[in-house]
């Protein structure tokens, strides 16, 4: 027979694995008597786990939702934060989708009803970004308010603090609140964004969540519009690329680099990297302009062979002339 502490953990794990457990089945799985199962269930109840007896011919037990979270787990704020993190993990495609979904279900199962309702309204879309920027902290209450409006399909009013362009004074004056039809809450590149239809500007907008201050109450319900392209991930990526709606970069080229594929792939998340030899690789990459693409490839300290197209080769020649001119001007200045 396992020690009491190990047996309690095994019993709790079984109760989380499925909704109802007959007492005899639990006793068989744990290799103990039904009387021992009853005593262990009482111990878990004393620790705060909401285990209820199930009526029926065989009797049984169920791990139910309680009036508070069991001790040694999470408080309300931690539970909401964990659920947000697990929701994001489910959508990242990082290889832990199924495990994160099961963990989210386990956490939800023992939550009080008030927290389960908040978590059930949370809908997050994670979009892979080519670079990860330092994340800006967003109040969990703001995220829940935005997600609730998305879930309820209610017009959202909020104050928004945009960042002025470099060298431009924001003026500090008050701006009228924004009125939008919220559609998706997105995490991209370490930041949170709200994708919404702006009612006053009659167009799609992407708002930084850390600059949003929701107002209450929310407005009337609305019928969701069709997002351009139908794919929120492609929509967000294109917005940051400045694309005209195509999911492809306007400029895309192919080169051979004298570097290991493993080294190149660490710095090109939005690219195709193929190993040719242990120290050479093929790189297919996109950008918003040909000079921009050439400059991005040029950051690798390696010999470059341009496969195509001709526009990329011309861009390298253009940058070479510019860099050579810059070097000459610098030397002339130093000689004076």
Protein backbone atom coordinates (compact mmCIF):
# COMPACT_ATOMS: atom_id res chain seq x y z
CA UNK A 1 0.00 0.00 0.00
CA UNK A 2 1.45 3.42 -0.89
CA UNK A 3 2.08 6.01 1.82
CA UNK A 4 -0.87 8.20 2.73
CA UNK A 5 0.51 11.39 1.09
CA UNK A 6 1.33 9.61 -2.18
CA UNK A 7 -2.04 7.89 -2.13
CA UNK A 8 -3.87 11.19 -1.64
CA UNK A 9 -2.09 12.67 -4.66
CA UNK A 10 -2.95 9.59 -6.72
CA UNK A 11 -6.58 9.80 -5.63
CA UNK A 12 -6.77 13.50 -6.50
CA UNK A 13 -5.25 12.80 -9.92
CA UNK A 14 -7.83 10.11 -10.63
CA UNK A 15 -10.69 12.39 -9.58
CA UNK A 16 -9.43 15.06 -12.00
CA UNK A 17 -9.14 12.58 -14.88
CA UNK A 18 -12.88 11.98 -15.27
CA UNK A 19 -16.16 13.28 -13.91
CA UNK A 20 -17.50 10.39 -11.79
CA UNK A 21 -15.64 7.54 -10.10
CA UNK A 22 -17.36 4.53 -8.45
CA UNK A 23 -15.89 3.91 -5.01
CA UNK A 24 -15.05 0.30 -5.87
CA UNK A 25 -13.17 1.38 -9.00
CA UNK A 26 -11.09 3.87 -7.02
CA UNK A 27 -10.28 1.20 -4.43
CA UNK A 28 -9.17 -1.17 -7.19
CA UNK A 29 -6.99 1.42 -8.93
CA UNK A 30 -5.32 2.43 -5.65
CA UNK A 31 -5.13 -1.17 -4.37
CA UNK A 32 -6.82 -0.27 -1.09
CA UNK A 33 -10.12 -1.05 0.60
CA UNK A 34 -13.31 1.01 -0.01
CA UNK A 35 -13.05 2.08 3.64
CA UNK A 36 -9.57 3.53 3.01
CA UNK A 37 -10.92 5.42 -0.01
CA UNK A 38 -13.62 6.97 2.18
CA UNK A 39 -11.03 8.06 4.75
CA UNK A 40 -8.79 9.55 2.03
CA UNK A 41 -11.74 11.42 0.52
CA UNK A 42 -12.43 12.91 3.95
CA UNK A 43 -8.78 14.00 4.23
CA UNK A 44 -8.97 15.75 0.85
CA UNK A 45 -12.17 17.47 1.92
CA UNK A 46 -10.43 18.73 5.06
CA UNK A 47 -7.76 20.22 2.81
CA UNK A 48 -10.46 22.12 0.94
CA UNK A 49 -11.01 19.95 -2.15
CA UNK A 50 -14.74 19.93 -3.04
CA UNK A 51 -15.38 16.19 -3.41
CA UNK A 52 -19.04 15.20 -3.43
CA UNK A 53 -20.63 11.78 -3.09
CA UNK A 54 -22.41 10.47 -6.19
CA UNK A 55 -25.63 8.55 -5.66
CA UNK A 56 -26.23 5.30 -7.48
CA UNK A 57 -26.12 1.50 -7.14
CA UNK A 58 -22.36 1.50 -6.57
CA UNK A 59 -21.95 4.95 -5.10
CA UNK A 60 -18.95 7.06 -5.98
CA UNK A 61 -17.20 10.42 -5.89
CA UNK A 62 -16.80 13.53 -7.99
CA UNK A 63 -14.39 16.46 -7.78
CA UNK A 64 -16.81 19.37 -7.92
CA UNK A 65 -16.59 23.16 -7.96
CA UNK A 66 -16.56 24.73 -4.53
CA UNK A 67 -17.18 28.13 -2.97
CA UNK A 68 -13.44 28.82 -2.86
CA UNK A 69 -10.29 27.44 -4.40
CA UNK A 70 -8.61 24.65 -2.42
CA UNK A 71 -5.57 25.72 -0.39
CA UNK A 72 -2.07 25.36 -1.84
CA UNK A 73 -3.40 25.98 -5.31
CA UNK A 74 -4.16 29.55 -6.44
CA UNK A 75 -6.00 32.60 -5.26
CA UNK A 76 -8.48 34.33 -7.56
CA UNK A 77 -5.93 36.59 -9.26
CA UNK A 78 -3.44 33.75 -9.73
CA UNK A 79 -6.16 31.49 -11.12
CA UNK A 80 -7.20 34.09 -13.71
CA UNK A 81 -3.56 34.78 -14.63
CA UNK A 82 -2.90 31.04 -15.01
CA UNK A 83 -5.98 30.58 -17.17
CA UNK A 84 -4.87 33.45 -19.45
CA UNK A 85 -1.40 31.91 -19.78
CA UNK A 86 -2.83 28.48 -20.55
CA UNK A 87 -5.27 29.93 -23.06
CA UNK A 88 -2.35 31.54 -24.89
CA UNK A 89 -0.31 28.32 -24.67
CA UNK A 90 -3.15 26.37 -26.30
CA UNK A 91 -2.98 28.60 -29.37
CA UNK A 92 0.76 29.05 -29.82
CA UNK A 93 1.50 25.78 -31.60
CA UNK A 94 4.53 25.29 -29.32
CA UNK A 95 3.98 21.54 -28.99
CA UNK A 96 2.19 21.80 -25.64
CA UNK A 97 -1.30 22.51 -26.98
CA UNK A 98 -2.95 19.34 -25.68
CA UNK A 99 -1.24 19.45 -22.29
CA UNK A 100 -2.14 23.13 -21.85
CA UNK A 101 -5.77 22.40 -22.77
CA UNK A 102 -5.94 19.61 -20.18
CA UNK A 103 -4.33 21.83 -17.56
CA UNK A 104 -6.81 24.61 -18.32
CA UNK A 105 -9.69 22.15 -17.94
CA UNK A 106 -8.31 20.92 -14.60
CA UNK A 107 -7.99 24.46 -13.24
CA UNK A 108 -11.44 25.38 -14.47
CA UNK A 109 -13.02 22.29 -12.88
CA UNK A 110 -12.25 23.35 -9.31
CA UNK A 111 -12.92 27.06 -9.79
CA UNK A 112 -15.84 28.78 -8.10
CA UNK A 113 -18.66 29.66 -10.49
CA UNK A 114 -17.76 33.37 -10.52
CA UNK A 115 -14.25 32.61 -11.80
CA UNK A 116 -15.39 29.94 -14.26
CA UNK A 117 -17.68 32.51 -15.88
CA UNK A 118 -14.80 34.96 -16.29
CA UNK A 119 -12.54 32.32 -17.78
CA UNK A 120 -15.23 31.01 -20.13
CA UNK A 121 -15.54 34.46 -21.71
CA UNK A 122 -11.81 34.66 -22.37
CA UNK A 123 -10.98 34.20 -26.06
CA UNK A 124 -7.37 34.82 -27.06
CA UNK A 125 -5.66 34.46 -30.44
CA UNK A 126 -1.88 34.11 -30.36
CA UNK A 127 -0.10 35.27 -33.51
CA UNK A 128 3.53 34.30 -34.09
CA UNK A 129 5.71 37.35 -34.58
CA UNK A 130 9.05 37.47 -36.39
CA UNK A 131 10.61 39.19 -33.36
CA UNK A 132 9.66 39.20 -29.69
CA UNK A 133 9.67 42.63 -28.05
CA UNK A 134 9.76 43.20 -24.32
CA UNK A 135 6.18 42.77 -23.18
CA UNK A 136 4.25 45.68 -21.71
CA UNK A 137 2.29 44.85 -18.60
CA UNK A 138 -1.48 44.90 -19.03
CA UNK A 139 -3.89 44.84 -16.11
CA UNK A 140 -5.71 41.50 -16.02
CA UNK A 141 -8.96 43.36 -15.41
CA UNK A 142 -8.54 45.17 -18.74
CA UNK A 143 -7.93 41.88 -20.56
CA UNK A 144 -11.02 40.34 -18.97
CA UNK A 145 -13.15 43.39 -19.85
CA UNK A 146 -12.00 43.30 -23.48
CA UNK A 147 -12.51 39.55 -23.73
CA UNK A 148 -15.96 39.79 -22.16
CA UNK A 149 -17.00 42.40 -24.75
CA UNK A 150 -15.70 40.19 -27.56
CA UNK A 151 -17.56 37.20 -26.17
CA UNK A 152 -20.82 39.11 -25.62
CA UNK A 153 -20.54 40.94 -28.98
CA UNK A 154 -21.22 44.28 -27.31
CA UNK A 155 -20.03 47.69 -28.47
CA UNK A 156 -17.07 48.76 -26.35
CA UNK A 157 -16.22 52.31 -25.31
CA UNK A 158 -12.75 53.12 -24.05
CA UNK A 159 -10.18 55.88 -23.63
CA UNK A 160 -7.11 55.29 -25.75
CA UNK A 161 -3.64 56.76 -25.35
CA UNK A 162 -1.78 56.59 -28.67
CA UNK A 163 1.97 57.09 -28.92
CA UNK A 164 2.79 60.21 -30.97
CA UNK A 165 5.34 59.98 -33.78
CA UNK A 166 8.94 60.79 -32.83
CA UNK A 167 9.45 64.52 -32.32
CA UNK A 168 5.72 65.26 -32.13
CA UNK A 169 4.19 66.60 -28.92
CA UNK A 170 1.02 64.75 -27.94
CA UNK A 171 -0.35 68.00 -26.54
CA UNK A 172 -1.78 66.32 -23.47
CA UNK A 173 -5.34 67.27 -24.43
CA UNK A 174 -8.30 65.04 -23.79
CA UNK A 175 -9.57 62.97 -26.71
CA UNK A 176 -13.08 61.59 -27.07
CA UNK A 177 -13.58 57.93 -26.20
CA UNK A 178 -13.37 55.35 -28.98
CA UNK A 179 -16.43 53.29 -29.92
CA UNK A 180 -15.70 49.92 -31.48
CA UNK A 181 -17.16 46.53 -32.24
CA UNK A 182 -14.54 44.23 -30.63
CA UNK A 183 -13.76 41.06 -32.55
CA UNK A 184 -10.54 39.46 -31.31
CA UNK A 185 -8.13 39.74 -28.39
CA UNK A 186 -4.67 38.94 -29.76
CA UNK A 187 -1.20 38.44 -28.34
CA UNK A 188 1.58 39.22 -30.83
CA UNK A 189 5.28 39.74 -30.26
CA UNK A 190 4.97 39.97 -26.48
CA UNK A 191 2.12 42.50 -26.54
CA UNK A 192 -1.67 42.38 -26.34
CA UNK A 193 -3.92 43.88 -29.04
CA UNK A 194 -7.63 44.34 -29.63
CA UNK A 195 -8.81 43.88 -33.22
CA UNK A 196 -12.02 45.84 -33.72
CA UNK A 197 -14.23 47.72 -36.16
CA UNK A 198 -14.02 51.44 -35.33
CA UNK A 199 -17.56 52.85 -35.54
CA UNK A 200 -16.50 56.49 -35.77
CA UNK A 201 -13.81 55.94 -38.39
CA UNK A 202 -15.68 53.21 -40.28
CA UNK A 203 -12.69 50.89 -40.58
CA UNK A 204 -10.75 48.05 -38.99
CA UNK A 205 -8.27 49.05 -36.29
CA UNK A 206 -5.73 47.31 -34.05
CA UNK A 207 -5.36 48.81 -30.54
CA UNK A 208 -2.63 48.18 -27.98
CA UNK A 209 -4.36 46.76 -24.88
CA UNK A 210 -1.94 48.44 -22.47
CA UNK A 211 -3.18 51.83 -23.76
CA UNK A 212 -6.88 51.01 -23.37
CA UNK A 213 -8.98 52.17 -20.40
CA UNK A 214 -12.44 50.55 -20.81
CA UNK A 215 -15.55 52.54 -19.96
CA UNK A 216 -18.75 51.13 -18.53
CA UNK A 217 -21.37 50.22 -19.33
CA UNK A 218 -20.80 48.56 -22.68
CA UNK A 219 -23.03 49.42 -25.63
CA UNK A 220 -25.63 47.43 -27.55
CA UNK A 221 -25.02 44.01 -29.06
CA UNK A 222 -23.92 43.81 -32.69
CA UNK A 223 -23.71 41.30 -35.51
CA UNK A 224 -20.01 40.60 -36.19
CA UNK A 225 -18.59 41.76 -39.51
CA UNK A 226 -16.42 39.51 -41.63
CA UNK A 227 -12.75 40.15 -40.96
CA UNK A 228 -10.82 40.85 -44.20
CA UNK A 229 -9.36 37.57 -45.36
CA UNK A 230 -11.20 35.67 -42.64
CA UNK A 231 -7.96 34.86 -40.75
CA UNK A 232 -7.18 37.00 -37.70
CA UNK A 233 -3.53 35.89 -37.59
CA UNK A 234 -2.92 36.90 -41.23
CA UNK A 235 -4.82 40.15 -40.67
CA UNK A 236 -2.66 41.16 -37.71
CA UNK A 237 0.60 40.22 -39.42
CA UNK A 238 -0.36 42.17 -42.52
CA UNK A 239 -1.27 45.22 -40.44
CA UNK A 240 2.20 45.33 -38.95
CA UNK A 241 3.83 44.66 -42.30
CA UNK A 242 1.86 47.45 -43.95
CA UNK A 243 0.55 44.98 -46.52
CA UNK A 244 -2.36 45.66 -48.82
CA UNK A 245 -4.13 42.47 -47.69
CA UNK A 246 -1.96 39.75 -49.22
CA UNK A 247 -0.60 37.24 -46.74
CA UNK A 248 2.77 37.33 -48.57
CA UNK A 249 5.54 39.88 -48.21
CA UNK A 250 5.63 42.25 -51.21
CA UNK A 251 9.34 41.37 -51.66
CA UNK A 252 10.63 37.86 -51.25
CA UNK A 253 14.08 36.51 -52.15
CA UNK A 254 16.34 33.48 -51.87
CA UNK A 255 20.03 33.33 -50.97
CA UNK A 256 22.72 30.85 -49.94
CA UNK A 257 24.57 31.70 -46.72
CA UNK A 258 27.88 30.24 -45.54
CA UNK A 259 26.45 29.59 -42.09
CA UNK A 260 24.89 26.55 -40.36
CA UNK A 261 21.11 26.37 -40.74
CA UNK A 262 20.65 26.03 -36.98
CA UNK A 263 22.43 29.35 -36.40
CA UNK A 264 20.46 31.23 -39.07
CA UNK A 265 17.08 29.87 -37.99
CA UNK A 266 17.50 31.37 -34.51
CA UNK A 267 17.26 34.87 -36.00
CA UNK A 268 14.74 34.36 -38.82
CA UNK A 269 11.45 33.16 -37.38
CA UNK A 270 9.51 34.45 -40.38
CA UNK A 271 11.59 32.59 -42.99
CA UNK A 272 12.39 29.24 -44.58
CA UNK A 273 15.84 27.88 -43.68
CA UNK A 274 17.10 24.70 -45.33
CA UNK A 275 20.38 22.96 -44.50
CA UNK A 276 22.58 22.31 -47.55
CA UNK A 277 25.77 21.25 -45.76
CA UNK A 278 26.80 21.45 -42.11
CA UNK A 279 28.08 25.00 -42.75
CA UNK A 280 25.82 26.25 -45.58
CA UNK A 281 22.09 26.87 -45.79
CA UNK A 282 19.39 28.14 -48.10
CA UNK A 283 17.38 31.12 -46.81
CA UNK A 284 14.05 32.32 -48.22
CA UNK A 285 12.92 35.53 -46.57
CA UNK A 286 10.44 38.36 -47.14
CA UNK A 287 10.37 42.09 -46.44
CA UNK A 288 8.45 45.27 -47.28
CA UNK A 289 11.14 46.47 -49.75
CA UNK A 290 14.09 45.05 -51.69
CA UNK A 291 16.71 47.26 -49.95
CA UNK A 292 15.13 46.30 -46.63
CA UNK A 293 15.38 42.63 -47.51
CA UNK A 294 19.01 42.97 -48.63
CA UNK A 295 19.89 44.83 -45.42
CA UNK A 296 18.22 42.14 -43.30
CA UNK A 297 20.19 39.37 -45.03
CA UNK A 298 23.37 41.45 -44.84
CA UNK A 299 23.34 41.40 -41.05
CA UNK A 300 24.62 37.83 -41.15
CA UNK A 301 28.43 37.78 -40.98
CA UNK A 302 28.85 35.38 -43.89
CA UNK A 303 29.37 35.19 -47.64
CA UNK A 304 26.10 35.52 -49.57
CA UNK A 305 25.11 33.97 -52.89
CA UNK A 306 21.94 35.45 -54.37
CA UNK A 307 19.69 32.85 -55.99
CA UNK A 308 17.04 35.35 -56.99
CA UNK A 309 15.19 37.33 -58.04
CA UNK A 310 17.06 40.02 -59.96
CA UNK A 311 15.50 42.76 -57.80
CA UNK A 312 17.28 41.37 -54.75
CA UNK A 313 20.62 41.31 -56.59
CA UNK A 314 20.07 44.92 -57.66
CA UNK A 315 19.26 45.87 -54.07
CA UNK A 316 22.56 44.41 -52.86
CA UNK A 317 24.38 46.42 -55.54
CA UNK A 318 22.53 49.57 -54.49
CA UNK A 319 23.45 49.07 -50.83
CA UNK A 320 27.04 48.26 -51.76
CA UNK A 321 27.37 51.61 -53.53
CA UNK A 322 25.74 53.41 -50.63
CA UNK A 323 27.97 51.73 -48.04
CA UNK A 324 31.08 52.35 -50.12
CA UNK A 325 30.16 56.02 -50.39
CA UNK A 326 29.56 56.21 -46.65
CA UNK A 327 32.97 54.64 -45.98
CA UNK A 328 34.69 57.07 -48.36
CA UNK A 329 33.00 60.10 -46.84
CA UNK A 330 33.98 58.95 -43.36
CA UNK A 331 37.62 58.57 -44.33
CA UNK A 332 37.68 61.98 -46.02
CA UNK A 333 36.30 63.56 -42.89
CA UNK A 334 38.95 61.89 -40.73
CA UNK A 335 41.76 63.11 -43.03
CA UNK A 336 40.74 66.74 -42.67
